[in-house]
Each structure stands twice: as structure tokens, then as C-alpha cells.
């Protein structure tokens, strides 16, 4: 991994953490339980991460790497797969951010549907990502963080499920 790519990835992650932190500080409520606080933090971090991950794939070097992943994995309908992956990540992230930001303004059924849809989208995207990571024809050089084992992918998937569990446990 080149130094410039590492700096770019770290600056994107740092920006994501900063933006999420600002929203969390603004929406802090002392009466929230520990589980609710953890769920709010997870919602914000996952939302920001998903938006960032989908957005960076429109710019080099990420767009080239993503196109190579899809080509080498021989996913069906490569152009559609590319757009669905990018837009799916962005949409799932925006849904999570809407739940976090509009926590008090949105009606409960709308928040519930947004959380369900976001978790479903994230699960589908991460399952495809695990498949791509495990294919021998896809080298580590074209994968995020240039890591062949799908560690980050499985962490994101686990956090999405934990987030949904904590969210619906409150009900």
C-alpha cells in the first residue's frame, strides 16, 4: 500500500469519526441507557462509514480498484453490480444517519423501517464483499486496505447486526 493511499484512507476515516462525534455530542441525552448510547454511537459510525465507503468509490484509486474487484470476481451484470454496490452503501449509510439525526423528529415506524432496510442492504453488500474477498482470482492489491481475509467486512457486518439488535431491543 502506498503512503499516499494510506494517508488518504486515514484522513477519510478521521473525517468520518469527527463528523459522527459532532452529531453525537449534539444529541447527547443523560437519560439514555448504556445500550442506547452504544446503539447511537454504532448507528452514527456505521452510517458515516457506509456513506464514506460508497462515496470514495467514485474517485481514484478506489474506483479503479472497485472496478477490478468486480471484473476479477466475474459478478453478473458488472456495470449494475458496480452501481448497486456504490449506491447501496451510500443509501444504507444515509438511512442510518437519518435515524441518528432525526431520532426525535421521525415517527417510530419510519425509523424502524429505515433501520431494517439499512441492515438488510448492509448484510447483502457485506455478503457479496466476503465472496469477492475469498475468490482466489481477486488479489489483495485491489481489495480495501489490501487485505485478503475479509476481516473488516465481517466486522462491519457484525456491527450492523449488533446495531439492529440494540435498536430493536429497546422496543
Protein backbone atom coordinates (compact mmCIF):
# COMPACT_ATOMS: atom_id res chain seq x y z
CA UNK A 1 0.00 0.00 0.00
CA UNK A 2 1.43 3.36 -0.97
CA UNK A 3 1.94 6.10 1.58
CA UNK A 4 -0.39 8.49 -0.24
CA UNK A 5 -3.18 5.89 -0.29
CA UNK A 6 -2.68 5.18 3.41
CA UNK A 7 -2.81 8.91 4.22
CA UNK A 8 -5.96 9.28 2.11
CA UNK A 9 -7.69 6.35 3.82
CA UNK A 10 -6.71 7.53 7.30
CA UNK A 11 -7.85 11.10 6.59
CA UNK A 12 -11.22 9.81 5.35
CA UNK A 13 -11.65 7.66 8.45
CA UNK A 14 -10.62 10.58 10.69
CA UNK A 15 -13.11 12.90 8.99
CA UNK A 16 -15.85 10.30 9.40
CA UNK A 17 -15.09 9.97 13.11
CA UNK A 18 -15.06 13.75 13.57
CA UNK A 19 -18.40 14.30 11.83
CA UNK A 20 -20.04 11.44 13.73
CA UNK A 21 -18.60 12.70 17.02
CA UNK A 22 -20.04 16.18 16.47
CA UNK A 23 -23.52 14.76 15.86
CA UNK A 24 -23.27 12.51 18.89
CA UNK A 25 -22.21 15.36 21.16
CA UNK A 26 -25.10 17.49 19.87
CA UNK A 27 -27.62 14.70 20.51
CA UNK A 28 -26.29 13.62 23.92
CA UNK A 29 -29.01 12.73 26.43
CA UNK A 30 -28.10 11.90 30.05
CA UNK A 31 -31.19 9.74 30.48
CA UNK A 32 -30.15 7.26 27.77
CA UNK A 33 -29.19 3.78 28.95
CA UNK A 34 -25.74 2.39 28.16
CA UNK A 35 -27.26 0.17 25.45
CA UNK A 36 -28.97 3.17 23.84
CA UNK A 37 -25.75 5.18 23.92
CA UNK A 38 -23.83 2.31 22.31
CA UNK A 39 -26.56 1.93 19.69
CA UNK A 40 -26.47 5.66 18.86
CA UNK A 41 -22.69 5.57 18.50
CA UNK A 42 -22.86 2.47 16.29
CA UNK A 43 -25.61 4.00 14.16
CA UNK A 44 -23.55 7.14 13.60
CA UNK A 45 -20.27 5.38 12.92
CA UNK A 46 -21.80 2.79 10.60
CA UNK A 47 -23.81 5.44 8.78
CA UNK A 48 -20.80 7.67 8.24
CA UNK A 49 -18.60 4.71 7.29
CA UNK A 50 -21.09 3.39 4.73
CA UNK A 51 -21.55 6.82 3.12
CA UNK A 52 -17.78 7.30 3.02
CA UNK A 53 -17.12 3.80 1.64
CA UNK A 54 -19.66 4.25 -1.14
CA UNK A 55 -18.58 7.79 -1.98
CA UNK A 56 -14.84 7.14 -2.26
CA UNK A 57 -15.51 4.52 -4.93
CA UNK A 58 -16.30 7.38 -7.33
CA UNK A 59 -12.68 8.62 -7.11
CA UNK A 60 -9.30 7.13 -8.00
CA UNK A 61 -7.61 4.97 -6.83
CA UNK A 62 -10.74 3.46 -5.27
CA UNK A 63 -12.88 3.49 -8.44
CA UNK A 64 -10.17 1.57 -10.33
CA UNK A 65 -9.75 -0.93 -7.50
CA UNK A 66 -13.51 -1.46 -7.22
CA UNK A 67 -13.89 -1.95 -10.99
CA UNK A 68 -11.05 -4.53 -10.92
CA UNK A 69 -12.69 -6.35 -8.00
CA UNK A 70 -15.93 -6.69 -9.92
CA UNK A 71 -14.21 -7.70 -13.17
CA UNK A 72 -11.99 -10.30 -11.49
CA UNK A 73 -14.82 -11.73 -9.39
CA UNK A 74 -16.97 -12.15 -12.52
CA UNK A 75 -20.08 -10.88 -10.76
CA UNK A 76 -23.13 -10.92 -13.04
CA UNK A 77 -24.04 -7.64 -14.74
CA UNK A 78 -20.74 -5.91 -13.83
CA UNK A 79 -21.92 -2.36 -14.50
CA UNK A 80 -25.09 -2.88 -12.48
CA UNK A 81 -23.10 -4.62 -9.72
CA UNK A 82 -20.74 -1.65 -9.53
CA UNK A 83 -23.50 0.94 -9.28
CA UNK A 84 -25.59 -1.13 -6.86
CA UNK A 85 -22.58 -1.63 -4.60
CA UNK A 86 -21.70 2.05 -4.50
CA UNK A 87 -25.23 3.43 -4.28
CA UNK A 88 -26.30 0.68 -1.87
CA UNK A 89 -23.54 1.62 0.56
CA UNK A 90 -24.37 5.31 0.32
CA UNK A 91 -28.12 4.72 0.74
CA UNK A 92 -27.65 2.36 3.72
CA UNK A 93 -25.39 4.94 5.36
CA UNK A 94 -27.82 7.79 4.71
CA UNK A 95 -30.64 5.75 6.25
CA UNK A 96 -28.57 5.20 9.39
CA UNK A 97 -27.62 8.87 9.57
CA UNK A 98 -31.30 9.81 9.16
CA UNK A 99 -32.18 7.54 12.09
CA UNK A 100 -29.42 9.09 14.20
CA UNK A 101 -30.05 12.74 13.27
CA UNK A 102 -33.84 12.55 13.14
CA UNK A 103 -34.16 10.40 16.25
CA UNK A 104 -36.80 12.60 17.89
CA UNK A 105 -38.32 14.10 14.72
CA UNK A 106 -39.06 10.87 12.82
CA UNK A 107 -42.02 8.66 13.67
CA UNK A 108 -41.10 5.30 15.21
CA UNK A 109 -42.41 3.20 12.27
CA UNK A 110 -40.30 5.24 9.82
CA UNK A 111 -37.18 4.83 11.96
CA UNK A 112 -37.89 1.10 12.30
CA UNK A 113 -38.23 0.63 8.53
CA UNK A 114 -35.09 2.70 7.90
CA UNK A 115 -33.13 0.56 10.37
CA UNK A 116 -34.47 -2.67 8.83
CA UNK A 117 -33.71 -1.58 5.27
CA UNK A 118 -30.24 -0.33 6.19
CA UNK A 119 -29.40 -3.60 7.95
CA UNK A 120 -30.73 -5.62 5.00
CA UNK A 121 -28.71 -3.57 2.48
CA UNK A 122 -25.56 -3.73 4.61
CA UNK A 123 -25.95 -7.50 5.03
CA UNK A 124 -26.37 -8.08 1.29
CA UNK A 125 -23.42 -5.84 0.41
CA UNK A 126 -21.13 -7.42 3.01
CA UNK A 127 -22.04 -10.98 1.94
CA UNK A 128 -21.07 -10.13 -1.65
CA UNK A 129 -17.89 -8.47 -0.31
CA UNK A 130 -16.96 -11.62 1.66
CA UNK A 131 -17.50 -13.68 -1.51
CA UNK A 132 -15.23 -11.34 -3.51
CA UNK A 133 -12.54 -11.39 -0.79
CA UNK A 134 -12.49 -15.19 -0.74
CA UNK A 135 -12.14 -15.65 -4.50
CA UNK A 136 -8.62 -16.75 -5.46
CA UNK A 137 -8.85 -14.72 -8.69
CA UNK A 138 -9.12 -11.41 -6.77
CA UNK A 139 -5.69 -10.31 -5.47
CA UNK A 140 -5.27 -8.40 -2.21
CA UNK A 141 -3.92 -5.37 -4.12
CA UNK A 142 -7.42 -4.46 -5.37
CA UNK A 143 -9.20 -5.01 -2.04
CA UNK A 144 -9.89 -2.38 0.65
CA UNK A 145 -6.89 -2.00 2.95
CA UNK A 146 -5.25 -4.55 0.61
CA UNK A 147 -6.27 -7.36 2.97
CA UNK A 148 -7.27 -10.73 1.53
CA UNK A 149 -9.04 -12.08 4.62
CA UNK A 150 -12.42 -10.30 4.88
CA UNK A 151 -11.78 -9.15 8.45
CA UNK A 152 -13.04 -5.57 8.03
CA UNK A 153 -16.04 -6.79 6.05
CA UNK A 154 -17.05 -9.26 8.76
CA UNK A 155 -16.54 -6.63 11.47
CA UNK A 156 -18.86 -4.22 9.62
CA UNK A 157 -21.42 -6.99 9.16
CA UNK A 158 -21.26 -7.93 12.85
CA UNK A 159 -21.56 -4.30 13.93
CA UNK A 160 -24.58 -3.80 11.65
CA UNK A 161 -26.31 -6.81 13.22
CA UNK A 162 -25.37 -5.67 16.74
CA UNK A 163 -26.70 -2.21 15.95
CA UNK A 164 -30.03 -3.61 14.74
CA UNK A 165 -30.25 -5.88 17.79
CA UNK A 166 -29.63 -2.98 20.19
CA UNK A 167 -32.07 -0.75 18.31
CA UNK A 168 -34.96 -3.24 18.33
CA UNK A 169 -34.20 -4.46 21.85
CA UNK A 170 -35.28 -1.03 23.12
CA UNK A 171 -38.78 -1.64 21.81
